[in-house]
Amino acid sequence: MGHDCFGQTTTLETEVARHAWDQTQMAFLAHGAATPTHLAATLTAEPDFALGHAVKGLFYLLLGRRELYPTAAEALNTAQTIAAQGAVSWRERKFIDALAAYLDNRPSQSVADMEEVLGAHPDDPLAMKLSHAIRFVLGDAAGMRRSIERVLPAYGPDHAAKGYLLGCHAFALEETGDYSRAEIAGRQALWMAQDDAWGLHAVAHVYDMTCDAAGGLNWLAGRENAWAHCNNFRYHVWWHKALMHLDLGQIDAVMELYDSQIRADKTDDYRDISNATSLLSRLELDGVDVGDRWEELAELCEKRTEDGCLIFADLHYLLALIGGGREEAIARMMARLEADAAGTPNDVTDRMADPGIAAATGLHAFGEGDYGKAFTHLAAARATMPRAGGSHAQRDVFERLTIDAGLRAGRLEAAQRILDERQARRAGQDDGYSSARRDLIAAARGIAQDARIPAQ
């Protein structure tokens, strides 16, 4: 047995395979588009590398696409067949177990398997990043932070993955509200690993959550090389930049980024769909005509109504269908969500039930102009919305729709309470969106007050 570039024992026997495996892991940590290419090279060099097959399966599952589950299952079968021959270590078996659990709709058990690995190998960045990624899907921000902070002491300054670890720490700090430390960690991460797009984007999140759009644009300016190498994660960083322009009222810049970067590739990857649908929704809430941009999204999402891998994905597919007025597809989506929510309890169906049903019902009602119903259901989903996964910034579209539904339904006090809670999470600051809504509330109260004053 040899060792990989992080000092972890590996069953790989050839230098060619070990080099490709090192490149696979480094690319994965950096969200690199070359990750699958390096993994394919690893498995070509040594087809009996069980850990490689297990990781391949996990990578496919993290894409959140039902049609990729058979490929992940095939990877699991291959890994288990190799393991049955005794050619794997205890550590490698835990990765295989994690894949099996995820395929069984128990990603929380996959996290537990990765944490077992980290208990024995706290300096294992592959297990660290996979635990982080799966917790992100599960909406477990506190768990992300606990996991990273448990292993931080095991990473010396010369550890090859120290920068990427700090990038994960920065994101976990930001998602748990520790904005000052998050910014420091994220800046240090990028200093140590210049391609750490996750750390760079964690700092962008800090600027979003502290309502400093101008500062955020300054942070991203000139750092494009930190995300140019990425897979579709690069579109997400451009999305963050568009949000900053939107908060500053720079609509032309938002539209240019949408067309030239965010939807440069018309994919139906759920992360790309979430970028696009949430941005178009924000624009429309601010009274911007987005033209026919909903059409290509709705066309793609009509084919995703039966997916059911992630409620986060389903809710954004639903936004596209509502935006494109695809009533039949909306009905199919709603029926499938109801069926999934009533299915065998597991990590996936539990989230379909809560917050999924209430959130989807609210979104559908909003699209139909039934703002009272929309507000009731969207407000009911708020407490458990983090379980849908994603970040505060990504879920903010649902918060905005909830507030706007309340305003349109005349529920001014309730809408203001949500605005106040949103402001408290955002370092006590108001952004352009909330300032405009407070003005609307004040104006509505002024009209109501004037109506009570008898004419002279």
Foldseek 3Di string as FASTA:
>chain_A
DPAALQRHDFLDDDPQLRVLVNVLVVCVLLQFPCNVVSLVSNCVVPVLRLLSLLVVLLVQLLLQFQVCLVVSVVSLVSSVVSVVVVSDDPLSVLSSVCSVCVSVQANVVSLVSLLVSCVVVVSDVVSLVSNLSSCQQQLNLVVLQVSLVVSLVVDDPPRPCNLSSLLSNLQSCVQVQNLVSSLVSLVVSCVSPVLNVSSLVSNLSSCVLQQNLVVSLVSCPPSLNSPPRHDLVSLVSLLSNLVSCVLVVNVVSNLVSVPVRLVVDLDLRLVSLLSNLLSVLVCVLVVHDPDCVLVSLLVSLLVCLQGQRALSSLLSSLSSCLVNVVVVSLVSNLVNLVVLCPDDDHLRNVVSVALNNLQSQLSNCVSVVVLVSNLVSLVVRVVPVSSRGDGPVSCVSSLLSNLVSCVSVVVLVVSVVSLQVSCVSSVNDDTSSSVVVVVSSVVVVVVVVVVVDDDD
